[in-house]
Amino acid sequence: MPHNYPSFDALDWNTIQPHFDALLAAELTAATARDWLQTWSDLVSVLDETSAQIYREITENTADAAADARFKTLVTQI
């Protein structure tokens, strides 16, 4: 089964929220559970990848103000 990673700005809750809202609104049954879980997994994968990338940036260069700002956005808004 191919993965359908969503496309959004992982540092902008307004672009992430519709994906979570769709999951919350979806009817979860035995028949839909597999697809629902795959969608959840794909969404979380994008967020985890962004988090890992930003963490790498702030630890490799502690003087990187742009990375620090992205990190602060991630932890305070997302």
PDB file of N, CA and C in Angstrom:
ATOM      1  N   MET A   1       0.853  -1.177   0.000  1.00  0.00           N
ATOM      2  CA  MET A   1       0.000   0.000   0.000  1.00  0.00           C
ATOM      3  C   MET A   1       0.897   1.238   0.000  1.00  0.00           C
ATOM      4  N   PRO A   2       0.729   2.134  -0.959  1.00  0.00           N
ATOM      5  CA  PRO A   2       1.575   3.342  -1.007  1.00  0.00           C
ATOM      6  C   PRO A   2       1.226   4.311   0.117  1.00  0.00           C
ATOM      7  N   HIS A   3       2.229   5.028   0.551  1.00  0.00           N
ATOM      8  CA  HIS A   3       2.012   6.045   1.585  1.00  0.00           C
ATOM      9  C   HIS A   3       1.565   7.337   0.916  1.00  0.00           C
ATOM     10  N   ASN A   4       0.691   8.033   1.579  1.00  0.00           N
ATOM     11  CA  ASN A   4       0.179   9.301   1.060  1.00  0.00           C
ATOM     12  C   ASN A   4       0.522  10.401   2.043  1.00  0.00           C
ATOM     13  N   TYR A   5       1.783  10.761   2.081  1.00  0.00           N
ATOM     14  CA  TYR A   5       2.218  11.778   3.028  1.00  0.00           C
ATOM     15  C   TYR A   5       1.562  13.107   2.687  1.00  0.00           C
ATOM     16  N   PRO A   6       0.903  13.709   3.672  1.00  0.00           N
ATOM     17  CA  PRO A   6       0.242  14.982   3.396  1.00  0.00           C
ATOM     18  C   PRO A   6       1.254  16.097   3.163  1.00  0.00           C
ATOM     19  N   SER A   7       0.840  17.068   2.407  1.00  0.00           N
ATOM     20  CA  SER A   7       1.686  18.221   2.129  1.00  0.00           C
ATOM     21  C   SER A   7       1.123  19.421   2.888  1.00  0.00           C
ATOM     22  N   PHE A   8       1.952  19.969   3.765  1.00  0.00           N
ATOM     23  CA  PHE A   8       1.542  21.140   4.527  1.00  0.00           C
ATOM     24  C   PHE A   8       2.779  21.781   5.124  1.00  0.00           C
ATOM     25  N   ASP A   9       2.615  22.992   5.627  1.00  0.00           N
ATOM     26  CA  ASP A   9       3.687  23.681   6.331  1.00  0.00           C
ATOM     27  C   ASP A   9       3.654  23.189   7.772  1.00  0.00           C
ATOM     28  N   ALA A  10       4.622  22.375   8.150  1.00  0.00           N
ATOM     29  CA  ALA A  10       4.630  21.743   9.466  1.00  0.00           C
ATOM     30  C   ALA A  10       4.858  22.726  10.612  1.00  0.00           C
ATOM     31  N   LEU A  11       5.091  23.978  10.293  1.00  0.00           N
ATOM     32  CA  LEU A  11       5.233  24.992  11.329  1.00  0.00           C
ATOM     33  C   LEU A  11       4.056  25.967  11.329  1.00  0.00           C
ATOM     34  N   ASP A  12       2.996  25.602  10.643  1.00  0.00           N
ATOM     35  CA  ASP A  12       1.792  26.437  10.586  1.00  0.00           C
ATOM     36  C   ASP A  12       0.590  25.580  10.942  1.00  0.00           C
ATOM     37  N   TRP A  13       0.092  25.739  12.162  1.00  0.00           N
ATOM     38  CA  TRP A  13      -1.008  24.912  12.635  1.00  0.00           C
ATOM     39  C   TRP A  13      -2.217  24.993  11.712  1.00  0.00           C
ATOM     40  N   ASN A  14      -2.443  26.138  11.091  1.00  0.00           N
ATOM     41  CA  ASN A  14      -3.600  26.287  10.202  1.00  0.00           C
ATOM     42  C   ASN A  14      -3.542  25.345   9.010  1.00  0.00           C
ATOM     43  N   THR A  15      -2.347  24.925   8.609  1.00  0.00           N
ATOM     44  CA  THR A  15      -2.247  23.980   7.497  1.00  0.00           C
ATOM     45  C   THR A  15      -2.253  22.531   7.989  1.00  0.00           C
ATOM     46  N   ILE A  16      -1.973  22.327   9.262  1.00  0.00           N
ATOM     47  CA  ILE A  16      -1.959  20.982   9.849  1.00  0.00           C
ATOM     48  C   ILE A  16      -3.351  20.593  10.348  1.00  0.00           C
ATOM     49  N   GLN A  17      -4.028  21.524  10.960  1.00  0.00           N
ATOM     50  CA  GLN A  17      -5.308  21.250  11.618  1.00  0.00           C
ATOM     51  C   GLN A  17      -6.324  20.532  10.735  1.00  0.00           C
ATOM     52  N   PRO A  18      -6.494  20.901   9.468  1.00  0.00           N
ATOM     53  CA  PRO A  18      -7.488  20.184   8.655  1.00  0.00           C
ATOM     54  C   PRO A  18      -7.217  18.679   8.566  1.00  0.00           C
ATOM     55  N   HIS A  19      -5.960  18.285   8.599  1.00  0.00           N
ATOM     56  CA  HIS A  19      -5.629  16.862   8.544  1.00  0.00           C
ATOM     57  C   HIS A  19      -6.071  16.154   9.829  1.00  0.00           C
ATOM     58  N   PHE A  20      -5.840  16.805  10.964  1.00  0.00           N
ATOM     59  CA  PHE A  20      -6.302  16.238  12.230  1.00  0.00           C
ATOM     60  C   PHE A  20      -7.823  16.246  12.300  1.00  0.00           C
ATOM     61  N   ASP A  21      -8.439  17.325  11.845  1.00  0.00           N
ATOM     62  CA  ASP A  21      -9.899  17.413  11.857  1.00  0.00           C
ATOM     63  C   ASP A  21     -10.518  16.296  11.021  1.00  0.00           C
ATOM     64  N   ALA A  22      -9.910  15.999   9.870  1.00  0.00           N
ATOM     65  CA  ALA A  22     -10.427  14.926   9.018  1.00  0.00           C
ATOM     66  C   ALA A  22     -10.343  13.579   9.732  1.00  0.00           C
ATOM     67  N   LEU A  23      -9.256  13.360  10.452  1.00  0.00           N
ATOM     68  CA  LEU A  23      -9.127  12.110  11.208  1.00  0.00           C
ATOM     69  C   LEU A  23     -10.171  12.036  12.317  1.00  0.00           C
ATOM     70  N   LEU A  24     -10.380  13.147  13.000  1.00  0.00           N
ATOM     71  CA  LEU A  24     -11.369  13.174  14.081  1.00  0.00           C
ATOM     72  C   LEU A  24     -12.791  12.960  13.558  1.00  0.00           C
ATOM     73  N   ALA A  25     -13.054  13.447  12.362  1.00  0.00           N
ATOM     74  CA  ALA A  25     -14.397  13.356  11.790  1.00  0.00           C
ATOM     75  C   ALA A  25     -14.664  12.011  11.112  1.00  0.00           C
ATOM     76  N   ALA A  26     -13.617  11.281  10.793  1.00  0.00           N
ATOM     77  CA  ALA A  26     -13.781  10.020  10.071  1.00  0.00           C
ATOM     78  C   ALA A  26     -14.453   8.974  10.947  1.00  0.00           C
ATOM     79  N   GLU A  27     -15.312   8.192  10.332  1.00  0.00           N
ATOM     80  CA  GLU A  27     -15.935   7.082  11.042  1.00  0.00           C
ATOM     81  C   GLU A  27     -14.895   5.970  11.166  1.00  0.00           C
ATOM     82  N   LEU A  28     -14.650   5.557  12.371  1.00  0.00           N
ATOM     83  CA  LEU A  28     -13.648   4.526  12.622  1.00  0.00           C
ATOM     84  C   LEU A  28     -14.360   3.205  12.906  1.00  0.00           C
ATOM     85  N   THR A  29     -14.202   2.286  11.983  1.00  0.00           N
ATOM     86  CA  THR A  29     -14.805   0.959  12.110  1.00  0.00           C
ATOM     87  C   THR A  29     -13.721  -0.071  11.802  1.00  0.00           C
ATOM     88  N   ALA A  30     -14.058  -1.320  11.976  1.00  0.00           N
ATOM     89  CA  ALA A  30     -13.105  -2.379  11.632  1.00  0.00           C
ATOM     90  C   ALA A  30     -12.714  -2.288  10.158  1.00  0.00           C
ATOM     91  N   ALA A  31     -13.658  -1.899   9.328  1.00  0.00           N
ATOM     92  CA  ALA A  31     -13.387  -1.819   7.889  1.00  0.00           C
ATOM     93  C   ALA A  31     -12.524  -0.616   7.512  1.00  0.00           C
ATOM     94  N   THR A  32     -12.585   0.449   8.302  1.00  0.00           N
ATOM     95  CA  THR A  32     -11.837   1.662   7.959  1.00  0.00           C
ATOM     96  C   THR A  32     -10.576   1.845   8.804  1.00  0.00           C
ATOM     97  N   ALA A  33     -10.390   0.992   9.798  1.00  0.00           N
ATOM     98  CA  ALA A  33      -9.287   1.179  10.749  1.00  0.00           C
ATOM     99  C   ALA A  33      -7.926   1.193  10.084  1.00  0.00           C
ATOM    100  N   ARG A  34      -7.688   0.296   9.150  1.00  0.00           N
ATOM    101  CA  ARG A  34      -6.371   0.224   8.511  1.00  0.00           C
ATOM    102  C   ARG A  34      -6.029   1.524   7.778  1.00  0.00           C
ATOM    103  N   ASP A  35      -6.960   2.018   6.982  1.00  0.00           N
ATOM    104  CA  ASP A  35      -6.717   3.267   6.248  1.00  0.00           C
ATOM    105  C   ASP A  35      -6.593   4.450   7.198  1.00  0.00           C
ATOM    106  N   TRP A  36      -7.416   4.474   8.248  1.00  0.00           N
ATOM    107  CA  TRP A  36      -7.344   5.552   9.230  1.00  0.00           C
ATOM    108  C   TRP A  36      -5.982   5.562   9.900  1.00  0.00           C
ATOM    109  N   LEU A  37      -5.525   4.402  10.312  1.00  0.00           N
ATOM    110  CA  LEU A  37      -4.213   4.303  10.961  1.00  0.00           C
ATOM    111  C   LEU A  37      -3.085   4.683  10.017  1.00  0.00           C
ATOM    112  N   GLN A  38      -3.208   4.331   8.737  1.00  0.00           N
ATOM    113  CA  GLN A  38      -2.188   4.714   7.768  1.00  0.00           C
ATOM    114  C   GLN A  38      -2.159   6.227   7.587  1.00  0.00           C
ATOM    115  N   THR A  39      -3.331   6.839   7.535  1.00  0.00           N
ATOM    116  CA  THR A  39      -3.406   8.294   7.409  1.00  0.00           C
ATOM    117  C   THR A  39      -2.785   8.961   8.628  1.00  0.00           C
ATOM    118  N   TRP A  40      -3.108   8.455   9.825  1.00  0.00           N
ATOM    119  CA  TRP A  40      -2.530   8.972  11.070  1.00  0.00           C
ATOM    120  C   TRP A  40      -1.012   8.835  11.035  1.00  0.00           C
ATOM    121  N   SER A  41      -0.546   7.667  10.646  1.00  0.00           N
ATOM    122  CA  SER A  41       0.884   7.401  10.602  1.00  0.00           C
ATOM    123  C   SER A  41       1.596   8.329   9.617  1.00  0.00           C
ATOM    124  N   ASP A  42       0.988   8.537   8.465  1.00  0.00           N
ATOM    125  CA  ASP A  42       1.582   9.433   7.469  1.00  0.00           C
ATOM    126  C   ASP A  42       1.662  10.864   7.996  1.00  0.00           C
ATOM    127  N   LEU A  43       0.617  11.308   8.650  1.00  0.00           N
ATOM    128  CA  LEU A  43       0.592  12.662   9.211  1.00  0.00           C
ATOM    129  C   LEU A  43       1.675  12.824  10.276  1.00  0.00           C
ATOM    130  N   VAL A  44       1.743  11.889  11.179  1.00  0.00           N
ATOM    131  CA  VAL A  44       2.732  11.963  12.251  1.00  0.00           C
ATOM    132  C   VAL A  44       4.154  11.850  11.701  1.00  0.00           C
ATOM    133  N   SER A  45       4.326  11.074  10.636  1.00  0.00           N
ATOM    134  CA  SER A  45       5.652  10.950  10.021  1.00  0.00           C
ATOM    135  C   SER A  45       6.170  12.290   9.518  1.00  0.00           C
ATOM    136  N   VAL A  46       5.293  13.060   8.900  1.00  0.00           N
ATOM    137  CA  VAL A  46       5.692  14.383   8.403  1.00  0.00           C
ATOM    138  C   VAL A  46       6.085  15.284   9.568  1.00  0.00           C
ATOM    139  N   LEU A  47       5.289  15.265  10.624  1.00  0.00           N
ATOM    140  CA  LEU A  47       5.587  16.104  11.785  1.00  0.00           C
ATOM    141  C   LEU A  47       6.871  15.649  12.484  1.00  0.00           C
ATOM    142  N   ASP A  48       7.054  14.344  12.616  1.00  0.00           N
ATOM    143  CA  ASP A  48       8.273  13.825  13.245  1.00  0.00           C
ATOM    144  C   ASP A  48       9.517  14.172  12.432  1.00  0.00           C
ATOM    145  N   GLU A  49       9.413  14.077  11.120  1.00  0.00           N
ATOM    146  CA  GLU A  49      10.550  14.408  10.258  1.00  0.00           C
ATOM    147  C   GLU A  49      10.920  15.885  10.409  1.00  0.00           C
ATOM    148  N   THR A  50       9.922  16.747  10.447  1.00  0.00           N
ATOM    149  CA  THR A  50      10.182  18.173  10.639  1.00  0.00           C
ATOM    150  C   THR A  50      10.843  18.415  11.982  1.00  0.00           C
ATOM    151  N   SER A  51      10.325  17.791  13.011  1.00  0.00           N
ATOM    152  CA  SER A  51      10.885  17.940  14.349  1.00  0.00           C
ATOM    153  C   SER A  51      12.341  17.475  14.390  1.00  0.00           C
ATOM    154  N   ALA A  52      12.628  16.340  13.794  1.00  0.00           N
ATOM    155  CA  ALA A  52      13.992  15.817  13.778  1.00  0.00           C
ATOM    156  C   ALA A  52      14.935  16.741  13.013  1.00  0.00           C
ATOM    157  N   GLN A  53      14.463  17.265  11.894  1.00  0.00           N
ATOM    158  CA  GLN A  53      15.284  18.168  11.086  1.00  0.00           C
ATOM    159  C   GLN A  53      15.612  19.442  11.866  1.00  0.00           C
ATOM    160  N   ILE A  54      14.620  20.014  12.511  1.00  0.00           N
ATOM    161  CA  ILE A  54      14.847  21.242  13.274  1.00  0.00           C
ATOM    162  C   ILE A  54      15.767  20.967  14.459  1.00  0.00           C
ATOM    163  N   TYR A  55      15.561  19.855  15.136  1.00  0.00           N
ATOM    164  CA  TYR A  55      16.424  19.508  16.266  1.00  0.00           C
ATOM    165  C   TYR A  55      17.878  19.345  15.810  1.00  0.00           C
ATOM    166  N   ARG A  56      18.051  18.696  14.670  1.00  0.00           N
ATOM    167  CA  ARG A  56      19.406  18.542  14.121  1.00  0.00           C
ATOM    168  C   ARG A  56      20.025  19.908  13.845  1.00  0.00           C
ATOM    169  N   GLU A  57      19.247  20.794  13.258  1.00  0.00           N
ATOM    170  CA  GLU A  57      19.755  22.127  12.937  1.00  0.00           C
ATOM    171  C   GLU A  57      20.180  22.890  14.190  1.00  0.00           C
ATOM    172  N   ILE A  58      19.381  22.847  15.240  1.00  0.00           N
ATOM    173  CA  ILE A  58      19.728  23.635  16.433  1.00  0.00           C
ATOM    174  C   ILE A  58      20.867  23.015  17.230  1.00  0.00           C
ATOM    175  N   THR A  59      21.082  21.719  17.074  1.00  0.00           N
ATOM    176  CA  THR A  59      22.194  21.105  17.804  1.00  0.00           C
ATOM    177  C   THR A  59      23.497  21.177  17.024  1.00  0.00           C
ATOM    178  N   GLU A  60      23.426  21.241  15.709  1.00  0.00           N
ATOM    179  CA  GLU A  60      24.638  21.352  14.899  1.00  0.00           C
ATOM    180  C   GLU A  60      25.192  22.767  14.898  1.00  0.00           C
ATOM    181  N   ASN A  61      24.318  23.746  15.020  1.00  0.00           N
ATOM    182  CA  ASN A  61      24.754  25.137  15.003  1.00  0.00           C
ATOM    183  C   ASN A  61      23.900  25.917  16.002  1.00  0.00           C
ATOM    184  N   THR A  62      24.367  26.016  17.209  1.00  0.00           N
ATOM    185  CA  THR A  62      23.589  26.673  18.256  1.00  0.00           C
ATOM    186  C   THR A  62      23.432  28.174  18.030  1.00  0.00           C
ATOM    187  N   ALA A  63      24.183  28.730  17.090  1.00  0.00           N
ATOM    188  CA  ALA A  63      24.065  30.158  16.784  1.00  0.00           C
ATOM    189  C   ALA A  63      23.092  30.431  15.642  1.00  0.00           C
ATOM    190  N   ASP A  64      22.459  29.394  15.093  1.00  0.00           N
ATOM    191  CA  ASP A  64      21.534  29.550  13.968  1.00  0.00           C
ATOM    192  C   ASP A  64      20.212  30.118  14.479  1.00  0.00           C
ATOM    193  N   ALA A  65      20.042  31.412  14.339  1.00  0.00           N
ATOM    194  CA  ALA A  65      18.848  32.093  14.856  1.00  0.00           C
ATOM    195  C   ALA A  65      17.578  31.645  14.137  1.00  0.00           C
ATOM    196  N   ALA A  66      17.670  31.376  12.847  1.00  0.00           N
ATOM    197  CA  ALA A  66      16.487  30.939  12.097  1.00  0.00           C
ATOM    198  C   ALA A  66      16.038  29.561  12.573  1.00  0.00           C
ATOM    199  N   ALA A  67      16.973  28.664  12.800  1.00  0.00           N
ATOM    200  CA  ALA A  67      16.634  27.331  13.305  1.00  0.00           C
ATOM    201  C   ALA A  67      16.051  27.437  14.705  1.00  0.00           C
ATOM    202  N   ASP A  68      16.615  28.309  15.509  1.00  0.00           N
ATOM    203  CA  ASP A  68      16.095  28.504  16.862  1.00  0.00           C
ATOM    204  C   ASP A  68      14.659  29.019  16.815  1.00  0.00           C
ATOM    205  N   ALA A  69      14.383  29.919  15.915  1.00  0.00           N
ATOM    206  CA  ALA A  69      13.024  30.449  15.776  1.00  0.00           C
ATOM    207  C   ALA A  69      12.060  29.351  15.327  1.00  0.00           C
ATOM    208  N   ARG A  70      12.485  28.502  14.375  1.00  0.00           N
ATOM    209  CA  ARG A  70      11.643  27.385  13.937  1.00  0.00           C
ATOM    210  C   ARG A  70      11.391  26.416  15.103  1.00  0.00           C
ATOM    211  N   PHE A  71      12.425  26.149  15.897  1.00  0.00           N
ATOM    212  CA  PHE A  71      12.278  25.271  17.043  1.00  0.00           C
ATOM    213  C   PHE A  71      11.262  25.839  18.042  1.00  0.00           C
ATOM    214  N   LYS A  72      11.367  27.121  18.323  1.00  0.00           N
ATOM    215  CA  LYS A  72      10.438  27.752  19.252  1.00  0.00           C
ATOM    216  C   LYS A  72       9.007  27.720  18.729  1.00  0.00           C
ATOM    217  N   THR A  73       8.838  27.909  17.433  1.00  0.00           N
ATOM    218  CA  THR A  73       7.514  27.804  16.839  1.00  0.00           C
ATOM    219  C   THR A  73       6.987  26.390  17.001  1.00  0.00           C
ATOM    220  N   LEU A  74       7.821  25.410  16.735  1.00  0.00           N
ATOM    221  CA  LEU A  74       7.427  24.020  16.847  1.00  0.00           C
ATOM    222  C   LEU A  74       6.952  23.677  18.257  1.00  0.00           C
ATOM    223  N   VAL A  75       7.719  24.054  19.252  1.00  0.00           N
ATOM    224  CA  VAL A  75       7.375  23.646  20.614  1.00  0.00           C
ATOM    225  C   VAL A  75       6.281  24.511  21.251  1.00  0.00           C
ATOM    226  N   THR A  76       6.071  25.713  20.778  1.00  0.00           N
ATOM    227  CA  THR A  76       5.057  26.552  21.407  1.00  0.00           C
ATOM    228  C   THR A  76       3.733  26.577  20.648  1.00  0.00           C
ATOM    229  N   GLN A  77       3.755  26.332  19.339  1.00  0.00           N
ATOM    230  CA  GLN A  77       2.536  26.445  18.563  1.00  0.00           C
ATOM    231  C   GLN A  77       2.031  25.133  17.979  1.00  0.00           C
ATOM    232  N   ILE A  78       2.923  24.207  17.774  1.00  0.00           N
ATOM    233  CA  ILE A  78       2.516  22.945  17.138  1.00  0.00           C
ATOM    234  C   ILE A  78       2.402  21.862  18.194  1.00  0.00           C
TER     235      ILE A  78
END
